[in-house]
Amino acid sequence: MSKRYFKLDQPYPEGHDLAIHGTPIGAMLAHVRKRKALSAAIKPLEDEFDGVVVFRDGVHVAGLKLNNYPSREDAELWRKPERQYPYHSSLRTPTALKGKANAESREKLRAMHKRWDEIVGQCPKMSSDDQWLIAGRRQLDLVFGGAQMAADYEEGAIYFAASVEPDGVPFMEITGSEFDAAVERAIKQRAEDYLEESRSAA
């Protein structure tokens, strides 16, 4: 399937799930705020376990890129980091530590799992569909043709490239070169610079 290119800068129709945000760029700014809230809420996990959180699909905690592995004192309590990017690890299961000599380590591991679950459980819930729903699509809709999205905050427009057109939101079809130019503009912008002044839009 060939890829098509779209510009979304008109308000959502009345009754649309994202109409509360006004326009697609307003919905994207709301998404950025939620991502920032997630990053802030997950920070205690990084501080407590001495690593950097690795997200799957940008929203699900996949593990930690541990600092100073394997010289850590608790290295045995972690799965060996995957060698592929992003070289992250996760806690082993307590049952993986067998024998009486490991009883203390198993207890420590149970406590670490409990704390991990407490921190992650308090984080805002996000779906890998959230960003794509700005264009009315779910990840499943985009599996075969792939998709790309760019936010031009200065212009107030979302640009969407996929083999399927946006659903439930007004759009204008554009050329591939127009899309590429929009991506170049978007790369130079930081969403955070537009959050305060755009608060009323989202």
C-alpha atoms as a PDB file:
ATOM      1  CA  MET A   1       0.000   0.000   0.000  1.00  0.00           C
ATOM      2  CA  SER A   2       1.345   3.407  -0.941  1.00  0.00           C
ATOM      3  CA  LYS A   3       1.769   6.066   1.710  1.00  0.00           C
ATOM      4  CA  ARG A   4      -0.381   9.193   1.691  1.00  0.00           C
ATOM      5  CA  TYR A   5       0.215  12.492   3.476  1.00  0.00           C
ATOM      6  CA  PHE A   6      -2.215  14.612   5.469  1.00  0.00           C
ATOM      7  CA  LYS A   7      -2.430  17.900   7.337  1.00  0.00           C
ATOM      8  CA  LEU A   8      -4.773  18.202  10.337  1.00  0.00           C
ATOM      9  CA  ASP A   9      -5.355  21.717  11.662  1.00  0.00           C
ATOM     10  CA  GLN A  10      -9.140  22.039  11.908  1.00  0.00           C
ATOM     11  CA  PRO A  11     -11.213  21.579  15.103  1.00  0.00           C
ATOM     12  CA  TYR A  12     -12.553  18.151  15.924  1.00  0.00           C
ATOM     13  CA  PRO A  13     -16.266  17.796  15.174  1.00  0.00           C
ATOM     14  CA  GLU A  14     -18.708  18.140  18.049  1.00  0.00           C
ATOM     15  CA  GLY A  15     -19.065  14.862  19.920  1.00  0.00           C
ATOM     16  CA  HIS A  16     -15.600  13.594  18.958  1.00  0.00           C
ATOM     17  CA  ASP A  17     -13.708  11.899  21.816  1.00  0.00           C
ATOM     18  CA  LEU A  18     -10.925  14.500  21.573  1.00  0.00           C
ATOM     19  CA  ALA A  19     -13.141  17.548  20.977  1.00  0.00           C
ATOM     20  CA  ILE A  20     -12.335  18.748  24.505  1.00  0.00           C
ATOM     21  CA  HIS A  21      -8.844  19.601  23.187  1.00  0.00           C
ATOM     22  CA  GLY A  22     -10.193  21.718  20.331  1.00  0.00           C
ATOM     23  CA  THR A  23      -7.827  20.821  17.521  1.00  0.00           C
ATOM     24  CA  PRO A  24      -5.382  17.968  16.803  1.00  0.00           C
ATOM     25  CA  ILE A  25      -2.463  20.160  17.917  1.00  0.00           C
ATOM     26  CA  GLY A  26      -4.328  20.766  21.184  1.00  0.00           C
ATOM     27  CA  ALA A  27      -4.729  17.008  21.574  1.00  0.00           C
ATOM     28  CA  MET A  28      -1.005  16.539  20.917  1.00  0.00           C
ATOM     29  CA  LEU A  29      -0.130  19.091  23.597  1.00  0.00           C
ATOM     30  CA  ALA A  30      -2.393  17.234  26.038  1.00  0.00           C
ATOM     31  CA  HIS A  31      -0.547  14.039  25.093  1.00  0.00           C
ATOM     32  CA  VAL A  32       2.808  15.751  25.734  1.00  0.00           C
ATOM     33  CA  ARG A  33       1.611  16.886  29.175  1.00  0.00           C
ATOM     34  CA  LYS A  34       0.577  13.334  29.986  1.00  0.00           C
ATOM     35  CA  ARG A  35       3.968  12.029  28.860  1.00  0.00           C
ATOM     36  CA  LYS A  36       5.679  14.613  31.090  1.00  0.00           C
ATOM     37  CA  ALA A  37       3.499  13.547  34.016  1.00  0.00           C
ATOM     38  CA  LEU A  38       4.478   9.924  33.354  1.00  0.00           C
ATOM     39  CA  SER A  39       8.181  10.830  33.297  1.00  0.00           C
ATOM     40  CA  ALA A  40       7.844  12.693  36.596  1.00  0.00           C
ATOM     41  CA  ALA A  41       5.883   9.865  38.231  1.00  0.00           C
ATOM     42  CA  ILE A  42       8.395   7.214  37.147  1.00  0.00           C
ATOM     43  CA  LYS A  43      11.424   9.197  38.400  1.00  0.00           C
ATOM     44  CA  PRO A  44      11.351   7.523  41.867  1.00  0.00           C
ATOM     45  CA  LEU A  45      11.884   4.172  40.108  1.00  0.00           C
ATOM     46  CA  GLU A  46      15.054   5.507  38.503  1.00  0.00           C
ATOM     47  CA  ASP A  47      16.272   7.024  41.759  1.00  0.00           C
ATOM     48  CA  GLU A  48      15.532   3.992  43.894  1.00  0.00           C
ATOM     49  CA  PHE A  49      16.976   1.361  41.560  1.00  0.00           C
ATOM     50  CA  ASP A  50      19.776   3.482  40.061  1.00  0.00           C
ATOM     51  CA  GLY A  51      18.992   3.365  36.373  1.00  0.00           C
ATOM     52  CA  VAL A  52      17.113   4.990  33.511  1.00  0.00           C
ATOM     53  CA  VAL A  53      13.639   3.765  32.619  1.00  0.00           C
ATOM     54  CA  VAL A  54      13.254   2.235  29.172  1.00  0.00           C
ATOM     55  CA  PHE A  55       9.786   2.576  27.681  1.00  0.00           C
ATOM     56  CA  ARG A  56       8.160   0.207  25.184  1.00  0.00           C
ATOM     57  CA  ASP A  57       6.034   2.006  22.570  1.00  0.00           C
ATOM     58  CA  GLY A  58       6.936   5.177  24.440  1.00  0.00           C
ATOM     59  CA  VAL A  59       4.419   4.563  27.235  1.00  0.00           C
ATOM     60  CA  HIS A  60       4.972   1.151  28.908  1.00  0.00           C
ATOM     61  CA  VAL A  61       7.822   0.526  31.369  1.00  0.00           C
ATOM     62  CA  ALA A  62       9.965  -2.192  29.789  1.00  0.00           C
ATOM     63  CA  GLY A  63      12.770  -2.128  32.348  1.00  0.00           C
ATOM     64  CA  LEU A  64      15.772  -0.103  33.437  1.00  0.00           C
ATOM     65  CA  LYS A  65      19.070   0.670  31.809  1.00  0.00           C
ATOM     66  CA  LEU A  66      21.030   0.029  34.991  1.00  0.00           C
ATOM     67  CA  ASN A  67      23.969   2.137  36.073  1.00  0.00           C
ATOM     68  CA  ASN A  68      27.218   0.253  36.724  1.00  0.00           C
ATOM     69  CA  TYR A  69      25.990  -3.215  35.824  1.00  0.00           C
ATOM     70  CA  PRO A  70      27.474  -5.796  36.598  1.00  0.00           C
ATOM     71  CA  SER A  71      29.510  -4.151  39.384  1.00  0.00           C
ATOM     72  CA  ARG A  72      26.333  -3.474  41.382  1.00  0.00           C
ATOM     73  CA  GLU A  73      25.996  -5.281  44.691  1.00  0.00           C
ATOM     74  CA  ASP A  74      22.505  -6.439  43.711  1.00  0.00           C
ATOM     75  CA  ALA A  75      23.444  -7.536  40.161  1.00  0.00           C
ATOM     76  CA  GLU A  76      22.294 -11.105  40.867  1.00  0.00           C
ATOM     77  CA  LEU A  77      18.757  -9.830  41.414  1.00  0.00           C
ATOM     78  CA  TRP A  78      18.501  -8.481  37.874  1.00  0.00           C
ATOM     79  CA  ARG A  79      18.192 -10.273  34.560  1.00  0.00           C
ATOM     80  CA  LYS A  80      21.273  -9.920  32.429  1.00  0.00           C
ATOM     81  CA  PRO A  81      20.810  -6.788  30.295  1.00  0.00           C
ATOM     82  CA  GLU A  82      19.899  -7.419  26.666  1.00  0.00           C
ATOM     83  CA  ARG A  83      22.812  -6.650  24.392  1.00  0.00           C
ATOM     84  CA  GLN A  84      20.575  -5.058  21.786  1.00  0.00           C
ATOM     85  CA  TYR A  85      19.544  -1.438  22.172  1.00  0.00           C
ATOM     86  CA  PRO A  86      18.561  -0.151  24.672  1.00  0.00           C
ATOM     87  CA  TYR A  87      20.497  -2.645  26.819  1.00  0.00           C
ATOM     88  CA  HIS A  88      17.905  -2.737  29.573  1.00  0.00           C
ATOM     89  CA  SER A  89      17.205  -5.161  32.404  1.00  0.00           C
ATOM     90  CA  SER A  90      14.357  -6.099  34.734  1.00  0.00           C
ATOM     91  CA  LEU A  91      14.069  -7.777  38.114  1.00  0.00           C
ATOM     92  CA  ARG A  92      14.431 -11.552  38.275  1.00  0.00           C
ATOM     93  CA  THR A  93      11.648 -13.608  39.817  1.00  0.00           C
ATOM     94  CA  PRO A  94      12.232 -14.689  43.438  1.00  0.00           C
ATOM     95  CA  THR A  95      11.778 -18.349  42.461  1.00  0.00           C
ATOM     96  CA  ALA A  96      14.790 -18.062  40.153  1.00  0.00           C
ATOM     97  CA  LEU A  97      17.007 -17.875  43.250  1.00  0.00           C
ATOM     98  CA  LYS A  98      17.055 -21.424  44.563  1.00  0.00           C
ATOM     99  CA  GLY A  99      18.564 -22.926  47.687  1.00  0.00           C
ATOM    100  CA  LYS A 100      18.686 -21.956  51.351  1.00  0.00           C
ATOM    101  CA  ALA A 101      21.654 -19.680  50.797  1.00  0.00           C
ATOM    102  CA  ASN A 102      19.471 -17.451  48.646  1.00  0.00           C
ATOM    103  CA  ALA A 103      16.613 -17.045  51.145  1.00  0.00           C
ATOM    104  CA  GLU A 104      17.691 -13.524  52.109  1.00  0.00           C
ATOM    105  CA  SER A 105      18.114 -12.492  48.477  1.00  0.00           C
ATOM    106  CA  ARG A 106      14.651 -13.856  47.623  1.00  0.00           C
ATOM    107  CA  GLU A 107      13.144 -11.778  50.418  1.00  0.00           C
ATOM    108  CA  LYS A 108      14.957  -8.682  49.200  1.00  0.00           C
ATOM    109  CA  LEU A 109      13.792  -9.374  45.659  1.00  0.00           C
ATOM    110  CA  ARG A 110      10.168  -9.687  46.791  1.00  0.00           C
ATOM    111  CA  ALA A 111      10.466  -6.298  48.490  1.00  0.00           C
ATOM    112  CA  MET A 112      11.983  -4.792  45.341  1.00  0.00           C
ATOM    113  CA  HIS A 113       9.137  -6.194  43.206  1.00  0.00           C
ATOM    114  CA  LYS A 114       6.595  -4.739  45.635  1.00  0.00           C
ATOM    115  CA  ARG A 115       8.201  -1.311  45.496  1.00  0.00           C
ATOM    116  CA  TRP A 116       8.489  -1.483  41.691  1.00  0.00           C
ATOM    117  CA  ASP A 117       4.771  -2.288  41.412  1.00  0.00           C
ATOM    118  CA  GLU A 118       3.853   0.516  43.825  1.00  0.00           C
ATOM    119  CA  ILE A 119       5.711   3.151  41.804  1.00  0.00           C
ATOM    120  CA  VAL A 120       4.545   1.938  38.387  1.00  0.00           C
ATOM    121  CA  GLY A 121       0.985   1.529  39.703  1.00  0.00           C
ATOM    122  CA  GLN A 122       0.857   5.224  40.635  1.00  0.00           C
ATOM    123  CA  CYS A 123       1.900   6.385  37.166  1.00  0.00           C
ATOM    124  CA  PRO A 124      -0.610   7.843  34.675  1.00  0.00           C
ATOM    125  CA  LYS A 125      -1.994   5.111  32.426  1.00  0.00           C
ATOM    126  CA  MET A 126      -1.200   5.569  28.765  1.00  0.00           C
ATOM    127  CA  SER A 127      -1.835   3.493  25.677  1.00  0.00           C
ATOM    128  CA  SER A 128       0.378   3.053  22.639  1.00  0.00           C
ATOM    129  CA  ASP A 129      -2.725   4.125  20.676  1.00  0.00           C
ATOM    130  CA  ASP A 130      -2.953   7.553  22.348  1.00  0.00           C
ATOM    131  CA  GLN A 131      -0.832   9.486  19.861  1.00  0.00           C
ATOM    132  CA  TRP A 132      -2.307   7.809  16.775  1.00  0.00           C
ATOM    133  CA  LEU A 133      -5.861   8.456  18.003  1.00  0.00           C
ATOM    134  CA  ILE A 134      -5.181  12.146  17.357  1.00  0.00           C
ATOM    135  CA  ALA A 135      -5.617  11.173  13.698  1.00  0.00           C
ATOM    136  CA  GLY A 136      -8.445   8.768  14.537  1.00  0.00           C
ATOM    137  CA  ARG A 137      -6.336   5.642  14.075  1.00  0.00           C
ATOM    138  CA  ARG A 138      -5.060   2.825  16.292  1.00  0.00           C
ATOM    139  CA  GLN A 139      -1.714   1.056  16.022  1.00  0.00           C
ATOM    140  CA  LEU A 140      -3.496  -1.977  14.609  1.00  0.00           C
ATOM    141  CA  ASP A 141      -4.704   0.128  11.659  1.00  0.00           C
ATOM    142  CA  LEU A 142      -1.108   1.046  10.857  1.00  0.00           C
ATOM    143  CA  VAL A 143       0.624  -2.333  11.221  1.00  0.00           C
ATOM    144  CA  PHE A 144       1.067  -3.087   7.535  1.00  0.00           C
ATOM    145  CA  GLY A 145       1.754   0.323   6.010  1.00  0.00           C
ATOM    146  CA  GLY A 146       3.468   2.004   8.948  1.00  0.00           C
ATOM    147  CA  ALA A 147       2.868   5.613   9.903  1.00  0.00           C
ATOM    148  CA  GLN A 148       4.626   8.799  10.906  1.00  0.00           C
ATOM    149  CA  MET A 149       3.379  11.891  12.703  1.00  0.00           C
ATOM    150  CA  ALA A 150       4.901  15.341  13.127  1.00  0.00           C
ATOM    151  CA  ALA A 151       3.646  18.268  15.187  1.00  0.00           C
ATOM    152  CA  ASP A 152       4.287  21.784  13.919  1.00  0.00           C
ATOM    153  CA  TYR A 153       3.359  23.765  17.045  1.00  0.00           C
ATOM    154  CA  GLU A 154       4.281  27.085  15.465  1.00  0.00           C
ATOM    155  CA  GLU A 155       1.800  26.519  12.641  1.00  0.00           C
ATOM    156  CA  GLY A 156      -0.731  24.699  14.837  1.00  0.00           C
ATOM    157  CA  ALA A 157      -0.935  21.594  12.665  1.00  0.00           C
ATOM    158  CA  ILE A 158      -0.415  17.859  12.890  1.00  0.00           C
ATOM    159  CA  TYR A 159       1.054  16.091   9.874  1.00  0.00           C
ATOM    160  CA  PHE A 160       0.256  12.423   9.378  1.00  0.00           C
ATOM    161  CA  ALA A 161       1.708   9.944   6.878  1.00  0.00           C
ATOM    162  CA  ALA A 162       0.124   6.516   6.466  1.00  0.00           C
ATOM    163  CA  SER A 163      -1.452   4.177   3.940  1.00  0.00           C
ATOM    164  CA  VAL A 164      -4.876   4.962   5.469  1.00  0.00           C
ATOM    165  CA  GLU A 165      -6.443   8.396   5.809  1.00  0.00           C
ATOM    166  CA  PRO A 166      -7.347  10.007   9.151  1.00  0.00           C
ATOM    167  CA  ASP A 167     -10.705   8.969  10.557  1.00  0.00           C
ATOM    168  CA  GLY A 168     -13.272  11.224  12.216  1.00  0.00           C
ATOM    169  CA  VAL A 169     -11.234  14.432  11.908  1.00  0.00           C
ATOM    170  CA  PRO A 170     -11.131  17.015   9.091  1.00  0.00           C
ATOM    171  CA  PHE A 171      -7.964  16.781   7.018  1.00  0.00           C
ATOM    172  CA  MET A 172      -6.277  18.064   3.899  1.00  0.00           C
ATOM    173  CA  GLU A 173      -4.268  15.709   1.712  1.00  0.00           C
ATOM    174  CA  ILE A 174      -0.820  17.090   0.884  1.00  0.00           C
ATOM    175  CA  THR A 175       2.251  16.033  -1.058  1.00  0.00           C
ATOM    176  CA  GLY A 176       5.179  14.040   0.269  1.00  0.00           C
ATOM    177  CA  SER A 177       7.470  17.056  -0.098  1.00  0.00           C
ATOM    178  CA  GLU A 178       5.088  19.189   1.980  1.00  0.00           C
ATOM    179  CA  PHE A 179       5.127  16.483   4.635  1.00  0.00           C
ATOM    180  CA  ASP A 180       8.934  16.310   4.592  1.00  0.00           C
ATOM    181  CA  ALA A 181       9.133  20.095   4.996  1.00  0.00           C
ATOM    182  CA  ALA A 182       6.743  19.889   7.964  1.00  0.00           C
ATOM    183  CA  VAL A 183       8.915  17.200   9.576  1.00  0.00           C
ATOM    184  CA  GLU A 184      11.966  19.458   9.183  1.00  0.00           C
ATOM    185  CA  ARG A 185      10.125  22.311  10.894  1.00  0.00           C
ATOM    186  CA  ALA A 186       8.882  20.032  13.663  1.00  0.00           C
ATOM    187  CA  ILE A 187      12.381  18.718  14.407  1.00  0.00           C
ATOM    188  CA  LYS A 188      13.486  22.259  15.303  1.00  0.00           C
ATOM    189  CA  GLN A 189      10.662  22.739  17.821  1.00  0.00           C
ATOM    190  CA  ARG A 190      10.338  21.615  21.446  1.00  0.00           C
ATOM    191  CA  ALA A 191       6.810  20.794  22.533  1.00  0.00           C
ATOM    192  CA  GLU A 192       7.578  22.040  26.061  1.00  0.00           C
ATOM    193  CA  ASP A 193       8.063  25.563  24.701  1.00  0.00           C
ATOM    194  CA  TYR A 194       4.390  25.633  23.705  1.00  0.00           C
ATOM    195  CA  LEU A 195       2.765  24.011  26.747  1.00  0.00           C
ATOM    196  CA  GLU A 196       2.126  27.103  28.873  1.00  0.00           C
ATOM    197  CA  GLU A 197       0.794  29.348  26.125  1.00  0.00           C
ATOM    198  CA  SER A 198      -1.292  26.482  24.717  1.00  0.00           C
ATOM    199  CA  ARG A 199      -2.826  25.404  28.010  1.00  0.00           C
ATOM    200  CA  SER A 200      -6.223  26.804  27.061  1.00  0.00           C
ATOM    201  CA  ALA A 201      -6.163  24.830  23.797  1.00  0.00           C
ATOM    202  CA  ALA A 202      -5.842  21.506  25.596  1.00  0.00           C
END
